Structures are given as C-alpha cells and as structure tokens.
Amino acid sequence: MLLKAQILLRQWAKGQHLLWQASQAENRPPIGLDTQAHDAVLALTELGDDETRSERGTR
C-alpha cells in the first residue's frame, strides 16, 4: 500500500510542478509546486515508513 501511495504522491507532485513551470513561462501568478517544494515532496517519498530525514542524514 505504501508503494502505491508513494507513486501517487510523485505523480501529483510532477503535475503540480508542471503547473508551476507553465505559469512561470506564461508570466502568470504562480500556481503549483516550485522546484524546491517539488524536490521536498520527492525526498519525502524516498523515506521508509518509520524513517526521518535526520536519520537519513539530510535536512
């Protein structure tokens, strides 16, 4: 079940990041996830069930 949730979260983050990129390219107010937020969501999906970022050695 966790793997499926991780996949869904990655797909959602990708779509949100594409929205942000499009809004930037079209000089519109930003919507979606900027690059930093997108990277943070992807990092979250790489953690194990009970693992924290500090245990992995990242901030």
PDB file of N, CA and C in Angstrom:
ATOM      1  N   MET A   1       0.818  -1.205   0.000  1.00  0.00           N
ATOM      2  CA  MET A   1       0.000   0.000   0.000  1.00  0.00           C
ATOM      3  C   MET A   1       0.856   1.261   0.000  1.00  0.00           C
ATOM      4  N   LEU A   2       1.968   1.227   0.756  1.00  0.00           N
ATOM      5  CA  LEU A   2       2.836   2.394   0.827  1.00  0.00           C
ATOM      6  C   LEU A   2       3.406   2.723  -0.544  1.00  0.00           C
ATOM      7  N   LEU A   3       3.841   1.716  -1.276  1.00  0.00           N
ATOM      8  CA  LEU A   3       4.418   1.954  -2.597  1.00  0.00           C
ATOM      9  C   LEU A   3       3.414   2.653  -3.509  1.00  0.00           C
ATOM     10  N   LYS A   4       2.163   2.237  -3.466  1.00  0.00           N
ATOM     11  CA  LYS A   4       1.133   2.858  -4.288  1.00  0.00           C
ATOM     12  C   LYS A   4       0.944   4.327  -3.897  1.00  0.00           C
ATOM     13  N   ALA A   5       0.956   4.611  -2.603  1.00  0.00           N
ATOM     14  CA  ALA A   5       0.824   5.996  -2.134  1.00  0.00           C
ATOM     15  C   ALA A   5       2.010   6.832  -2.580  1.00  0.00           C
ATOM     16  N   GLN A   6       3.196   6.255  -2.535  1.00  0.00           N
ATOM     17  CA  GLN A   6       4.394   6.983  -2.977  1.00  0.00           C
ATOM     18  C   GLN A   6       4.304   7.318  -4.468  1.00  0.00           C
ATOM     19  N   ILE A   7       3.859   6.376  -5.250  1.00  0.00           N
ATOM     20  CA  ILE A   7       3.720   6.596  -6.694  1.00  0.00           C
ATOM     21  C   ILE A   7       2.704   7.699  -6.962  1.00  0.00           C
ATOM     22  N   LEU A   8       1.567   7.637  -6.288  1.00  0.00           N
ATOM     23  CA  LEU A   8       0.535   8.666  -6.466  1.00  0.00           C
ATOM     24  C   LEU A   8       1.047  10.044  -6.063  1.00  0.00           C
ATOM     25  N   LEU A   9       1.783  10.111  -4.960  1.00  0.00           N
ATOM     26  CA  LEU A   9       2.320  11.387  -4.500  1.00  0.00           C
ATOM     27  C   LEU A   9       3.333  11.948  -5.490  1.00  0.00           C
ATOM     28  N   ARG A  10       4.181  11.099  -6.031  1.00  0.00           N
ATOM     29  CA  ARG A  10       5.157  11.542  -7.047  1.00  0.00           C
ATOM     30  C   ARG A  10       4.443  12.066  -8.293  1.00  0.00           C
ATOM     31  N   GLN A  11       3.414  11.353  -8.732  1.00  0.00           N
ATOM     32  CA  GLN A  11       2.662  11.794  -9.916  1.00  0.00           C
ATOM     33  C   GLN A  11       1.988  13.135  -9.660  1.00  0.00           C
ATOM     34  N   TRP A  12       1.387  13.291  -8.486  1.00  0.00           N
ATOM     35  CA  TRP A  12       0.738  14.557  -8.126  1.00  0.00           C
ATOM     36  C   TRP A  12       1.771  15.681  -8.112  1.00  0.00           C
ATOM     37  N   ALA A  13       2.925  15.427  -7.488  1.00  0.00           N
ATOM     38  CA  ALA A  13       3.973  16.447  -7.399  1.00  0.00           C
ATOM     39  C   ALA A  13       4.465  16.843  -8.781  1.00  0.00           C
ATOM     40  N   LYS A  14       4.602  15.876  -9.664  1.00  0.00           N
ATOM     41  CA  LYS A  14       5.044  16.184 -11.028  1.00  0.00           C
ATOM     42  C   LYS A  14       4.039  17.088 -11.727  1.00  0.00           C
ATOM     43  N   GLY A  15       2.751  16.772 -11.601  1.00  0.00           N
ATOM     44  CA  GLY A  15       1.711  17.603 -12.210  1.00  0.00           C
ATOM     45  C   GLY A  15       1.707  19.013 -11.644  1.00  0.00           C
ATOM     46  N   GLN A  16       1.866  19.119 -10.322  1.00  0.00           N
ATOM     47  CA  GLN A  16       1.899  20.435  -9.689  1.00  0.00           C
ATOM     48  C   GLN A  16       3.123  21.231 -10.127  1.00  0.00           C
ATOM     49  N   HIS A  17       4.240  20.552 -10.294  1.00  0.00           N
ATOM     50  CA  HIS A  17       5.459  21.232 -10.740  1.00  0.00           C
ATOM     51  C   HIS A  17       5.304  21.698 -12.191  1.00  0.00           C
ATOM     52  N   LEU A  18       4.652  20.894 -13.007  1.00  0.00           N
ATOM     53  CA  LEU A  18       4.402  21.302 -14.399  1.00  0.00           C
ATOM     54  C   LEU A  18       3.491  22.530 -14.448  1.00  0.00           C
ATOM     55  N   LEU A  19       2.498  22.595 -13.552  1.00  0.00           N
ATOM     56  CA  LEU A  19       1.645  23.784 -13.464  1.00  0.00           C
ATOM     57  C   LEU A  19       2.470  25.017 -13.112  1.00  0.00           C
ATOM     58  N   TRP A  20       3.368  24.870 -12.145  1.00  0.00           N
ATOM     59  CA  TRP A  20       4.222  25.982 -11.731  1.00  0.00           C
ATOM     60  C   TRP A  20       5.102  26.446 -12.893  1.00  0.00           C
ATOM     61  N   GLN A  21       5.710  25.481 -13.598  1.00  0.00           N
ATOM     62  CA  GLN A  21       6.575  25.827 -14.724  1.00  0.00           C
ATOM     63  C   GLN A  21       5.784  26.552 -15.815  1.00  0.00           C
ATOM     64  N   ALA A  22       4.578  26.089 -16.103  1.00  0.00           N
ATOM     65  CA  ALA A  22       3.757  26.723 -17.131  1.00  0.00           C
ATOM     66  C   ALA A  22       3.364  28.144 -16.719  1.00  0.00           C
ATOM     67  N   SER A  23       3.016  28.315 -15.452  1.00  0.00           N
ATOM     68  CA  SER A  23       2.628  29.658 -15.005  1.00  0.00           C
ATOM     69  C   SER A  23       3.816  30.608 -15.081  1.00  0.00           C
ATOM     70  N   GLN A  24       5.006  30.118 -14.798  1.00  0.00           N
ATOM     71  CA  GLN A  24       6.204  30.948 -14.903  1.00  0.00           C
ATOM     72  C   GLN A  24       6.492  31.299 -16.370  1.00  0.00           C
ATOM     73  N   ALA A  25       6.377  30.316 -17.245  1.00  0.00           N
ATOM     74  CA  ALA A  25       6.653  30.531 -18.664  1.00  0.00           C
ATOM     75  C   ALA A  25       5.669  31.509 -19.292  1.00  0.00           C
ATOM     76  N   GLU A  26       4.437  31.523 -18.788  1.00  0.00           N
ATOM     77  CA  GLU A  26       3.398  32.393 -19.332  1.00  0.00           C
ATOM     78  C   GLU A  26       3.262  33.693 -18.551  1.00  0.00           C
ATOM     79  N   ASN A  27       4.192  33.908 -17.608  1.00  0.00           N
ATOM     80  CA  ASN A  27       4.222  35.143 -16.819  1.00  0.00           C
ATOM     81  C   ASN A  27       2.905  35.376 -16.070  1.00  0.00           C
ATOM     82  N   ARG A  28       2.348  34.284 -15.535  1.00  0.00           N
ATOM     83  CA  ARG A  28       1.121  34.353 -14.737  1.00  0.00           C
ATOM     84  C   ARG A  28       1.478  34.195 -13.265  1.00  0.00           C
ATOM     85  N   PRO A  29       0.554  34.550 -12.379  1.00  0.00           N
ATOM     86  CA  PRO A  29       0.812  34.294 -10.961  1.00  0.00           C
ATOM     87  C   PRO A  29       1.097  32.799 -10.750  1.00  0.00           C
ATOM     88  N   PRO A  30       2.065  32.490  -9.921  1.00  0.00           N
ATOM     89  CA  PRO A  30       2.456  31.084  -9.778  1.00  0.00           C
ATOM     90  C   PRO A  30       1.385  30.231  -9.105  1.00  0.00           C
ATOM     91  N   ILE A  31       1.195  29.049  -9.659  1.00  0.00           N
ATOM     92  CA  ILE A  31       0.365  28.023  -9.035  1.00  0.00           C
ATOM     93  C   ILE A  31       1.157  26.724  -9.069  1.00  0.00           C
ATOM     94  N   GLY A  32       0.833  25.811  -8.200  1.00  0.00           N
ATOM     95  CA  GLY A  32       1.527  24.533  -8.180  1.00  0.00           C
ATOM     96  C   GLY A  32       2.746  24.563  -7.273  1.00  0.00           C
ATOM     97  N   LEU A  33       3.639  23.611  -7.481  1.00  0.00           N
ATOM     98  CA  LEU A  33       4.832  23.462  -6.656  1.00  0.00           C
ATOM     99  C   LEU A  33       6.056  24.020  -7.380  1.00  0.00           C
ATOM    100  N   ASP A  34       6.773  24.922  -6.706  1.00  0.00           N
ATOM    101  CA  ASP A  34       8.028  25.383  -7.290  1.00  0.00           C
ATOM    102  C   ASP A  34       9.061  24.256  -7.192  1.00  0.00           C
ATOM    103  N   THR A  35      10.235  24.478  -7.723  1.00  0.00           N
ATOM    104  CA  THR A  35      11.244  23.422  -7.776  1.00  0.00           C
ATOM    105  C   THR A  35      11.641  22.943  -6.388  1.00  0.00           C
ATOM    106  N   GLN A  36      11.798  23.852  -5.449  1.00  0.00           N
ATOM    107  CA  GLN A  36      12.191  23.469  -4.097  1.00  0.00           C
ATOM    108  C   GLN A  36      11.114  22.608  -3.429  1.00  0.00           C
ATOM    109  N   ALA A  37       9.864  23.007  -3.560  1.00  0.00           N
ATOM    110  CA  ALA A  37       8.765  22.228  -2.969  1.00  0.00           C
ATOM    111  C   ALA A  37       8.640  20.865  -3.651  1.00  0.00           C
ATOM    112  N   HIS A  38       8.801  20.844  -4.960  1.00  0.00           N
ATOM    113  CA  HIS A  38       8.745  19.591  -5.711  1.00  0.00           C
ATOM    114  C   HIS A  38       9.830  18.637  -5.223  1.00  0.00           C
ATOM    115  N   ASP A  39      11.050  19.139  -5.070  1.00  0.00           N
ATOM    116  CA  ASP A  39      12.155  18.314  -4.581  1.00  0.00           C
ATOM    117  C   ASP A  39      11.874  17.793  -3.175  1.00  0.00           C
ATOM    118  N   ALA A  40      11.260  18.625  -2.336  1.00  0.00           N
ATOM    119  CA  ALA A  40      10.941  18.205  -0.967  1.00  0.00           C
ATOM    120  C   ALA A  40       9.929  17.063  -0.962  1.00  0.00           C
ATOM    121  N   VAL A  41       8.925  17.145  -1.823  1.00  0.00           N
ATOM    122  CA  VAL A  41       7.928  16.066  -1.896  1.00  0.00           C
ATOM    123  C   VAL A  41       8.588  14.782  -2.387  1.00  0.00           C
ATOM    124  N   LEU A  42       9.447  14.892  -3.400  1.00  0.00           N
ATOM    125  CA  LEU A  42      10.128  13.692  -3.895  1.00  0.00           C
ATOM    126  C   LEU A  42      11.020  13.077  -2.818  1.00  0.00           C
ATOM    127  N   ALA A  43      11.702  13.917  -2.037  1.00  0.00           N
ATOM    128  CA  ALA A  43      12.539  13.399  -0.943  1.00  0.00           C
ATOM    129  C   ALA A  43      11.679  12.679   0.090  1.00  0.00           C
ATOM    130  N   LEU A  44      10.524  13.210   0.363  1.00  0.00           N
ATOM    131  CA  LEU A  44       9.614  12.580   1.319  1.00  0.00           C
ATOM    132  C   LEU A  44       9.214  11.182   0.850  1.00  0.00           C
ATOM    133  N   THR A  45       8.989  11.020  -0.435  1.00  0.00           N
ATOM    134  CA  THR A  45       8.565   9.716  -0.944  1.00  0.00           C
ATOM    135  C   THR A  45       9.692   8.688  -0.906  1.00  0.00           C
ATOM    136  N   GLU A  46      10.927   9.128  -0.713  1.00  0.00           N
ATOM    137  CA  GLU A  46      12.051   8.209  -0.651  1.00  0.00           C
ATOM    138  C   GLU A  46      12.275   7.649   0.754  1.00  0.00           C
ATOM    139  N   LEU A  47      11.660   8.244   1.765  1.00  0.00           N
ATOM    140  CA  LEU A  47      11.833   7.780   3.135  1.00  0.00           C
ATOM    141  C   LEU A  47      11.047   6.507   3.385  1.00  0.00           C
ATOM    142  N   GLY A  48      11.561   5.671   4.267  1.00  0.00           N
ATOM    143  CA  GLY A  48      10.848   4.473   4.684  1.00  0.00           C
ATOM    144  C   GLY A  48       9.706   4.836   5.620  1.00  0.00           C
ATOM    145  N   ASP A  49       8.915   3.856   5.994  1.00  0.00           N
ATOM    146  CA  ASP A  49       7.748   4.077   6.854  1.00  0.00           C
ATOM    147  C   ASP A  49       8.078   4.840   8.131  1.00  0.00           C
ATOM    148  N   ASP A  50       9.108   4.421   8.842  1.00  0.00           N
ATOM    149  CA  ASP A  50       9.426   4.997  10.142  1.00  0.00           C
ATOM    150  C   ASP A  50      10.715   5.814  10.110  1.00  0.00           C
ATOM    151  N   GLU A  51      11.170   6.167   8.946  1.00  0.00           N
ATOM    152  CA  GLU A  51      12.433   6.876   8.790  1.00  0.00           C
ATOM    153  C   GLU A  51      12.190   8.382   8.737  1.00  0.00           C
ATOM    154  N   THR A  52      13.088   9.133   9.349  1.00  0.00           N
ATOM    155  CA  THR A  52      13.026  10.587   9.264  1.00  0.00           C
ATOM    156  C   THR A  52      14.180  11.077   8.420  1.00  0.00           C
ATOM    157  N   ARG A  53      14.076  12.312   7.968  1.00  0.00           N
ATOM    158  CA  ARG A  53      15.158  12.883   7.168  1.00  0.00           C
ATOM    159  C   ARG A  53      16.447  12.946   7.966  1.00  0.00           C
ATOM    160  N   SER A  54      16.373  13.238   9.275  1.00  0.00           N
ATOM    161  CA  SER A  54      17.579  13.338  10.087  1.00  0.00           C
ATOM    162  C   SER A  54      18.258  11.964  10.231  1.00  0.00           C
ATOM    163  N   GLU A  55      17.465  10.898  10.265  1.00  0.00           N
ATOM    164  CA  GLU A  55      18.049   9.555  10.332  1.00  0.00           C
ATOM    165  C   GLU A  55      18.786   9.216   9.046  1.00  0.00           C
ATOM    166  N   ARG A  56      18.312   9.767   7.960  1.00  0.00           N
ATOM    167  CA  ARG A  56      18.929   9.512   6.672  1.00  0.00           C
ATOM    168  C   ARG A  56      20.135  10.415   6.444  1.00  0.00           C
ATOM    169  N   GLY A  57      20.255  11.461   7.259  1.00  0.00           N
ATOM    170  CA  GLY A  57      21.389  12.373   7.140  1.00  0.00           C
ATOM    171  C   GLY A  57      21.142  13.531   6.216  1.00  0.00           C
ATOM    172  N   THR A  58      19.872  13.843   5.945  1.00  0.00           N
ATOM    173  CA  THR A  58      19.529  15.001   5.101  1.00  0.00           C
ATOM    174  C   THR A  58      18.743  15.987   5.917  1.00  0.00           C
ATOM    175  N   ARG A  59      18.687  17.213   5.426  1.00  0.00           N
ATOM    176  CA  ARG A  59      17.905  18.233   6.117  1.00  0.00           C
ATOM    177  C   ARG A  59      16.652  18.560   5.362  1.00  0.00           C
TER     178      ARG A  59
END
